[in-house]
């Protein structure tokens, strides 16, 4: 097993989301902006990595979260962006600088209210299988 492809996967996901026309005007970040951020943004979040090596070589399963955070009223704005994120990533043909992406699948989503209902957050969970 190797964690070696983790940075390459994050970079490829960032590139894919940053260049997707459905997300034009939506910031893609890996840290919450100072002050908590205003508007709607995409946060590349935590991941867990599991060994998936076999006889053919090294490999890893990355379980990662991409969050949509929005200060817009209601869930509609956040859900529109979350759908665009999901559509951009599911089975995306990402090219990594290290390793080879075998698959990228949606696992689940969780939508919650933040700040006593003033903001919304949708955590999208994905599973990526990488051969290293």
N, C-alpha and C. Protein backbone atom coordinates (compact mmCIF):
# COMPACT_ATOMS: atom_id res chain seq x y z
N UNK A 1 0.84 -1.18 0.00
CA UNK A 1 0.00 0.00 0.00
C UNK A 1 0.88 1.24 0.00
N UNK A 2 0.34 2.28 -0.55
CA UNK A 2 1.07 3.53 -0.56
C UNK A 2 0.10 4.69 -0.42
N UNK A 3 0.53 5.70 0.30
CA UNK A 3 -0.21 6.95 0.39
C UNK A 3 0.31 7.92 -0.66
N UNK A 4 1.19 7.43 -1.50
CA UNK A 4 1.89 8.24 -2.47
C UNK A 4 1.03 8.98 -3.46
N UNK A 5 -0.15 8.50 -3.76
CA UNK A 5 -1.01 9.14 -4.76
C UNK A 5 -1.99 10.13 -4.17
N UNK A 6 -1.96 10.34 -2.86
CA UNK A 6 -2.95 11.20 -2.20
C UNK A 6 -2.90 12.64 -2.73
N UNK A 7 -1.72 13.22 -2.80
CA UNK A 7 -1.61 14.60 -3.29
C UNK A 7 -2.00 14.68 -4.76
N UNK A 8 -1.63 13.66 -5.53
CA UNK A 8 -1.98 13.64 -6.96
C UNK A 8 -3.49 13.57 -7.15
N UNK A 9 -4.18 12.79 -6.31
CA UNK A 9 -5.64 12.69 -6.39
C UNK A 9 -6.28 14.02 -6.03
N UNK A 10 -5.82 14.65 -4.96
CA UNK A 10 -6.40 15.94 -4.57
C UNK A 10 -6.19 16.97 -5.67
N UNK A 11 -5.00 17.00 -6.25
CA UNK A 11 -4.71 17.95 -7.32
C UNK A 11 -5.61 17.73 -8.54
N UNK A 12 -5.83 16.47 -8.89
CA UNK A 12 -6.68 16.15 -10.04
C UNK A 12 -8.13 16.53 -9.76
N UNK A 13 -8.60 16.28 -8.54
CA UNK A 13 -9.97 16.66 -8.18
C UNK A 13 -10.11 18.18 -8.20
N UNK A 14 -9.15 18.88 -7.64
CA UNK A 14 -9.17 20.34 -7.67
C UNK A 14 -9.23 20.85 -9.11
N UNK A 15 -8.37 20.31 -9.97
CA UNK A 15 -8.36 20.73 -11.37
C UNK A 15 -9.68 20.47 -12.06
N UNK A 16 -10.25 19.32 -11.81
CA UNK A 16 -11.53 18.96 -12.44
C UNK A 16 -12.64 19.92 -12.00
N UNK A 17 -12.74 20.15 -10.69
CA UNK A 17 -13.81 21.02 -10.18
C UNK A 17 -13.58 22.48 -10.56
N UNK A 18 -12.34 22.92 -10.52
CA UNK A 18 -12.04 24.33 -10.85
C UNK A 18 -12.31 24.66 -12.30
N UNK A 19 -12.23 23.66 -13.16
CA UNK A 19 -12.42 23.92 -14.60
C UNK A 19 -13.80 23.53 -15.10
N UNK A 20 -14.66 23.00 -14.24
CA UNK A 20 -15.98 22.58 -14.68
C UNK A 20 -16.87 23.81 -14.90
N UNK A 21 -17.44 23.95 -16.09
CA UNK A 21 -18.25 25.14 -16.38
C UNK A 21 -19.49 25.27 -15.49
N UNK A 22 -19.99 24.17 -14.95
CA UNK A 22 -21.16 24.24 -14.06
C UNK A 22 -20.80 24.88 -12.72
N UNK A 23 -19.50 24.98 -12.43
CA UNK A 23 -19.05 25.55 -11.16
C UNK A 23 -18.37 26.90 -11.33
N UNK A 24 -18.59 27.53 -12.49
CA UNK A 24 -18.03 28.85 -12.74
C UNK A 24 -18.50 29.82 -11.65
N UNK A 25 -17.57 30.53 -11.05
CA UNK A 25 -17.90 31.49 -10.01
C UNK A 25 -17.94 30.89 -8.61
N UNK A 26 -17.77 29.58 -8.49
CA UNK A 26 -17.76 28.91 -7.19
C UNK A 26 -16.31 28.59 -6.84
N UNK A 27 -15.85 29.08 -5.70
CA UNK A 27 -14.47 28.82 -5.26
C UNK A 27 -14.33 27.36 -4.84
N UNK A 28 -13.19 26.77 -5.20
CA UNK A 28 -12.83 25.42 -4.77
C UNK A 28 -11.60 25.58 -3.90
N UNK A 29 -11.70 25.14 -2.63
CA UNK A 29 -10.62 25.35 -1.65
C UNK A 29 -10.36 24.07 -0.87
N UNK A 30 -9.24 24.05 -0.14
CA UNK A 30 -8.99 22.92 0.75
C UNK A 30 -8.88 23.37 2.21
N UNK A 31 -9.28 24.60 2.47
CA UNK A 31 -9.38 25.13 3.83
C UNK A 31 -10.50 26.17 3.84
N UNK A 32 -11.25 26.20 4.93
CA UNK A 32 -12.34 27.17 5.04
C UNK A 32 -11.74 28.57 5.01
N UNK A 33 -12.29 29.44 4.17
CA UNK A 33 -11.77 30.81 4.09
C UNK A 33 -11.83 31.52 5.44
N UNK A 34 -10.93 32.47 5.64
CA UNK A 34 -10.91 33.27 6.87
C UNK A 34 -12.29 33.87 7.11
N UNK A 35 -12.76 33.77 8.31
CA UNK A 35 -14.07 34.31 8.65
C UNK A 35 -15.20 33.36 8.31
N UNK A 36 -14.88 32.17 7.87
CA UNK A 36 -15.91 31.17 7.59
C UNK A 36 -16.42 31.16 6.17
N UNK A 37 -16.10 32.17 5.40
CA UNK A 37 -16.51 32.22 4.00
C UNK A 37 -17.94 32.68 3.82
N UNK A 38 -18.17 33.42 2.78
CA UNK A 38 -19.51 33.88 2.42
C UNK A 38 -19.86 33.32 1.06
N UNK A 39 -21.13 33.32 0.74
CA UNK A 39 -21.57 32.79 -0.54
C UNK A 39 -21.56 31.27 -0.52
N UNK A 40 -21.23 30.69 -1.65
CA UNK A 40 -21.20 29.24 -1.77
C UNK A 40 -19.82 28.83 -2.26
N UNK A 41 -19.23 27.83 -1.61
CA UNK A 41 -17.92 27.35 -2.03
C UNK A 41 -17.83 25.84 -1.84
N UNK A 42 -16.83 25.25 -2.51
CA UNK A 42 -16.58 23.82 -2.44
C UNK A 42 -15.30 23.62 -1.63
N UNK A 43 -15.37 22.72 -0.67
CA UNK A 43 -14.25 22.44 0.22
C UNK A 43 -13.80 21.00 0.03
N UNK A 44 -12.58 20.83 -0.48
CA UNK A 44 -12.02 19.49 -0.60
C UNK A 44 -11.57 19.10 0.80
N UNK A 45 -12.18 18.07 1.35
CA UNK A 45 -12.01 17.79 2.76
C UNK A 45 -11.22 16.55 3.09
N UNK A 46 -11.56 15.95 4.20
CA UNK A 46 -10.79 14.83 4.73
C UNK A 46 -10.89 13.58 3.87
N UNK A 47 -9.94 12.68 4.11
CA UNK A 47 -9.96 11.39 3.42
C UNK A 47 -9.44 10.31 4.35
N UNK A 48 -9.84 9.10 4.11
CA UNK A 48 -9.30 7.92 4.75
C UNK A 48 -8.77 7.05 3.63
N UNK A 49 -7.62 6.41 3.85
CA UNK A 49 -7.00 5.60 2.81
C UNK A 49 -6.77 4.19 3.36
N UNK A 50 -7.14 3.20 2.54
CA UNK A 50 -7.02 1.80 2.92
C UNK A 50 -6.18 1.05 1.89
N UNK A 51 -5.40 0.12 2.37
CA UNK A 51 -4.58 -0.71 1.50
C UNK A 51 -5.47 -1.56 0.59
N UNK A 52 -5.17 -1.55 -0.68
CA UNK A 52 -5.87 -2.38 -1.66
C UNK A 52 -4.87 -3.08 -2.58
N UNK A 53 -3.67 -3.32 -2.05
CA UNK A 53 -2.64 -4.01 -2.82
C UNK A 53 -3.07 -5.44 -3.08
N UNK A 54 -2.60 -5.97 -4.20
CA UNK A 54 -2.85 -7.38 -4.52
C UNK A 54 -1.64 -7.93 -5.28
N UNK A 55 -1.78 -9.11 -5.85
CA UNK A 55 -0.66 -9.73 -6.56
C UNK A 55 -0.12 -8.87 -7.70
N UNK A 56 -0.98 -8.06 -8.29
CA UNK A 56 -0.55 -7.26 -9.44
C UNK A 56 0.23 -6.00 -9.04
N UNK A 57 0.17 -5.61 -7.74
CA UNK A 57 0.93 -4.45 -7.31
C UNK A 57 0.24 -3.67 -6.21
N UNK A 58 0.81 -2.51 -5.93
CA UNK A 58 0.29 -1.65 -4.87
C UNK A 58 -0.96 -0.92 -5.29
N UNK A 59 -1.79 -0.66 -4.31
CA UNK A 59 -3.01 0.08 -4.58
C UNK A 59 -3.62 0.59 -3.30
N UNK A 60 -4.53 1.52 -3.42
CA UNK A 60 -5.18 2.10 -2.26
C UNK A 60 -6.61 2.51 -2.60
N UNK A 61 -7.45 2.45 -1.59
CA UNK A 61 -8.81 2.97 -1.69
C UNK A 61 -8.85 4.25 -0.88
N UNK A 62 -9.24 5.35 -1.53
CA UNK A 62 -9.35 6.64 -0.88
C UNK A 62 -10.83 6.94 -0.69
N UNK A 63 -11.24 7.12 0.54
CA UNK A 63 -12.60 7.55 0.85
C UNK A 63 -12.49 9.02 1.21
N UNK A 64 -13.03 9.87 0.35
CA UNK A 64 -12.83 11.30 0.53
C UNK A 64 -14.15 12.04 0.56
N UNK A 65 -14.09 13.20 1.17
CA UNK A 65 -15.27 14.05 1.31
C UNK A 65 -15.03 15.37 0.59
N UNK A 66 -16.01 15.77 -0.19
CA UNK A 66 -16.01 17.09 -0.81
C UNK A 66 -17.28 17.77 -0.30
N UNK A 67 -17.12 18.90 0.35
CA UNK A 67 -18.26 19.59 0.95
C UNK A 67 -18.66 20.81 0.14
N UNK A 68 -19.94 21.08 0.13
CA UNK A 68 -20.47 22.32 -0.43
C UNK A 68 -21.01 23.10 0.76
N UNK A 69 -20.51 24.32 0.94
CA UNK A 69 -20.94 25.16 2.05
C UNK A 69 -21.53 26.44 1.45
N UNK A 70 -22.72 26.80 1.95
CA UNK A 70 -23.42 27.94 1.36
C UNK A 70 -24.09 28.78 2.45
N UNK A 71 -23.96 30.09 2.31
CA UNK A 71 -24.67 31.01 3.20
C UNK A 71 -26.00 31.44 2.60
N UNK A 72 -26.33 30.91 1.43
CA UNK A 72 -27.61 31.24 0.79
C UNK A 72 -28.76 30.67 1.61
N UNK A 73 -29.90 31.32 1.54
CA UNK A 73 -31.09 30.86 2.25
C UNK A 73 -31.58 29.56 1.64
N UNK A 74 -31.90 28.60 2.48
CA UNK A 74 -32.41 27.32 2.01
C UNK A 74 -31.31 26.42 1.45
N UNK A 75 -31.72 25.20 1.08
CA UNK A 75 -30.77 24.22 0.56
C UNK A 75 -30.64 24.25 -0.96
N UNK A 76 -31.48 24.96 -1.67
CA UNK A 76 -31.50 24.88 -3.13
C UNK A 76 -30.15 25.24 -3.76
N UNK A 77 -29.54 26.33 -3.34
CA UNK A 77 -28.26 26.75 -3.93
C UNK A 77 -27.18 25.71 -3.65
N UNK A 78 -27.11 25.23 -2.42
CA UNK A 78 -26.10 24.23 -2.07
C UNK A 78 -26.33 22.94 -2.84
N UNK A 79 -27.56 22.52 -2.99
CA UNK A 79 -27.85 21.28 -3.71
C UNK A 79 -27.52 21.41 -5.20
N UNK A 80 -27.75 22.56 -5.79
CA UNK A 80 -27.40 22.76 -7.19
C UNK A 80 -25.90 22.59 -7.40
N UNK A 81 -25.11 23.17 -6.50
CA UNK A 81 -23.65 23.03 -6.59
C UNK A 81 -23.23 21.60 -6.29
N UNK A 82 -23.86 20.97 -5.30
CA UNK A 82 -23.52 19.58 -4.95
C UNK A 82 -23.78 18.63 -6.12
N UNK A 83 -24.86 18.84 -6.84
CA UNK A 83 -25.15 18.02 -8.02
C UNK A 83 -24.05 18.21 -9.07
N UNK A 84 -23.62 19.45 -9.28
CA UNK A 84 -22.55 19.72 -10.25
C UNK A 84 -21.25 19.06 -9.82
N UNK A 85 -20.93 19.08 -8.53
CA UNK A 85 -19.72 18.42 -8.03
C UNK A 85 -19.80 16.93 -8.28
N UNK A 86 -20.93 16.34 -7.91
CA UNK A 86 -21.10 14.90 -8.09
C UNK A 86 -20.99 14.52 -9.57
N UNK A 87 -21.69 15.25 -10.41
CA UNK A 87 -21.64 14.96 -11.85
C UNK A 87 -20.23 15.11 -12.42
N UNK A 88 -19.47 16.08 -11.90
CA UNK A 88 -18.11 16.30 -12.39
C UNK A 88 -17.15 15.19 -11.97
N UNK A 89 -17.41 14.57 -10.82
CA UNK A 89 -16.45 13.60 -10.29
C UNK A 89 -16.77 12.13 -10.56
N UNK A 90 -18.03 11.78 -10.56
CA UNK A 90 -18.38 10.36 -10.71
C UNK A 90 -17.85 9.82 -12.04
N UNK A 91 -17.03 8.79 -11.94
CA UNK A 91 -16.41 8.14 -13.09
C UNK A 91 -15.59 9.09 -13.96
N UNK A 92 -15.10 10.17 -13.37
CA UNK A 92 -14.30 11.14 -14.12
C UNK A 92 -12.99 10.51 -14.57
N UNK A 93 -12.56 10.80 -15.78
CA UNK A 93 -11.28 10.26 -16.28
C UNK A 93 -10.10 11.11 -15.81
N UNK A 94 -9.87 11.13 -14.51
CA UNK A 94 -8.80 11.97 -13.96
C UNK A 94 -7.43 11.38 -14.28
N UNK A 95 -6.52 12.24 -14.65
CA UNK A 95 -5.14 11.84 -14.87
C UNK A 95 -4.34 12.29 -13.66
N UNK A 96 -3.65 11.35 -13.02
CA UNK A 96 -2.88 11.65 -11.83
C UNK A 96 -1.40 11.79 -12.18
N UNK A 97 -0.69 12.61 -11.42
CA UNK A 97 0.75 12.72 -11.61
C UNK A 97 1.49 11.55 -10.99
N UNK A 98 0.83 10.81 -10.14
CA UNK A 98 1.38 9.56 -9.59
C UNK A 98 0.23 8.58 -9.42
N UNK A 99 0.42 7.38 -9.93
CA UNK A 99 -0.61 6.35 -9.84
C UNK A 99 -1.60 6.44 -10.99
N UNK A 100 -2.53 5.50 -10.99
CA UNK A 100 -3.57 5.45 -12.02
C UNK A 100 -4.91 5.29 -11.34
N UNK A 101 -5.84 6.19 -11.66
CA UNK A 101 -7.19 6.10 -11.12
C UNK A 101 -7.93 4.96 -11.81
N UNK A 102 -8.36 4.00 -11.01
CA UNK A 102 -9.12 2.87 -11.54
C UNK A 102 -10.61 3.20 -11.56
N UNK A 103 -11.09 3.82 -10.49
CA UNK A 103 -12.52 4.18 -10.41
C UNK A 103 -12.72 5.30 -9.41
N UNK A 104 -13.80 6.04 -9.61
CA UNK A 104 -14.20 7.10 -8.70
C UNK A 104 -15.72 7.07 -8.63
N UNK A 105 -16.24 6.69 -7.46
CA UNK A 105 -17.68 6.50 -7.30
C UNK A 105 -18.24 7.31 -6.13
N UNK A 106 -19.48 7.71 -6.27
CA UNK A 106 -20.23 8.38 -5.21
C UNK A 106 -20.63 7.34 -4.17
N UNK A 107 -20.50 7.69 -2.87
CA UNK A 107 -20.89 6.79 -1.78
C UNK A 107 -22.15 7.27 -1.09
N UNK A 108 -22.15 8.54 -0.67
CA UNK A 108 -23.32 9.06 0.06
C UNK A 108 -23.21 10.58 0.19
N UNK A 109 -24.29 11.18 0.67
CA UNK A 109 -24.29 12.61 0.94
C UNK A 109 -25.05 12.87 2.24
N UNK A 110 -24.66 13.94 2.91
CA UNK A 110 -25.34 14.35 4.14
C UNK A 110 -25.49 15.86 4.10
N UNK A 111 -26.72 16.35 4.23
CA UNK A 111 -27.00 17.78 4.20
C UNK A 111 -27.42 18.23 5.60
N UNK A 112 -26.80 19.30 6.09
CA UNK A 112 -27.12 19.81 7.42
C UNK A 112 -27.17 21.34 7.42
N UNK A 113 -27.86 21.89 8.42
CA UNK A 113 -27.86 23.33 8.65
C UNK A 113 -26.74 23.66 9.61
N UNK A 114 -26.07 24.78 9.37
CA UNK A 114 -25.00 25.26 10.25
C UNK A 114 -25.41 26.58 10.86
N UNK A 115 -24.72 27.00 11.89
CA UNK A 115 -24.92 28.34 12.47
C UNK A 115 -26.38 28.65 12.74
N UNK A 116 -27.04 27.76 13.45
CA UNK A 116 -28.45 27.96 13.79
C UNK A 116 -29.32 28.19 12.57
N UNK A 117 -28.98 27.52 11.47
CA UNK A 117 -29.79 27.60 10.26
C UNK A 117 -29.36 28.66 9.28
N UNK A 118 -28.31 29.43 9.59
CA UNK A 118 -27.89 30.52 8.71
C UNK A 118 -27.08 30.07 7.50
N UNK A 119 -26.55 28.87 7.55
CA UNK A 119 -25.75 28.34 6.44
C UNK A 119 -26.10 26.88 6.24
N UNK A 120 -25.70 26.35 5.10
CA UNK A 120 -25.97 24.96 4.75
C UNK A 120 -24.65 24.29 4.39
N UNK A 121 -24.56 22.99 4.68
CA UNK A 121 -23.38 22.20 4.31
C UNK A 121 -23.86 20.85 3.80
N UNK A 122 -23.32 20.46 2.65
CA UNK A 122 -23.59 19.14 2.10
C UNK A 122 -22.25 18.43 1.93
N UNK A 123 -22.08 17.33 2.65
CA UNK A 123 -20.86 16.52 2.54
C UNK A 123 -21.13 15.39 1.55
N UNK A 124 -20.35 15.39 0.48
CA UNK A 124 -20.44 14.35 -0.54
C UNK A 124 -19.27 13.39 -0.33
N UNK A 125 -19.55 12.13 -0.16
CA UNK A 125 -18.50 11.13 0.06
C UNK A 125 -18.28 10.34 -1.22
N UNK A 126 -17.00 10.16 -1.55
CA UNK A 126 -16.61 9.43 -2.77
C UNK A 126 -15.61 8.35 -2.41
N UNK A 127 -15.53 7.35 -3.26
CA UNK A 127 -14.55 6.27 -3.13
C UNK A 127 -13.72 6.24 -4.40
N UNK A 128 -12.41 6.41 -4.25
CA UNK A 128 -11.49 6.35 -5.38
C UNK A 128 -10.58 5.16 -5.20
N UNK A 129 -10.40 4.37 -6.23
CA UNK A 129 -9.47 3.22 -6.22
C UNK A 129 -8.30 3.60 -7.10
N UNK A 130 -7.07 3.52 -6.55
CA UNK A 130 -5.88 3.93 -7.26
C UNK A 130 -4.87 2.79 -7.26
N UNK A 131 -4.28 2.55 -8.41
CA UNK A 131 -3.13 1.64 -8.52
C UNK A 131 -1.88 2.49 -8.51
N UNK A 132 -0.90 2.09 -7.69
CA UNK A 132 0.32 2.89 -7.60
C UNK A 132 1.47 2.16 -8.26
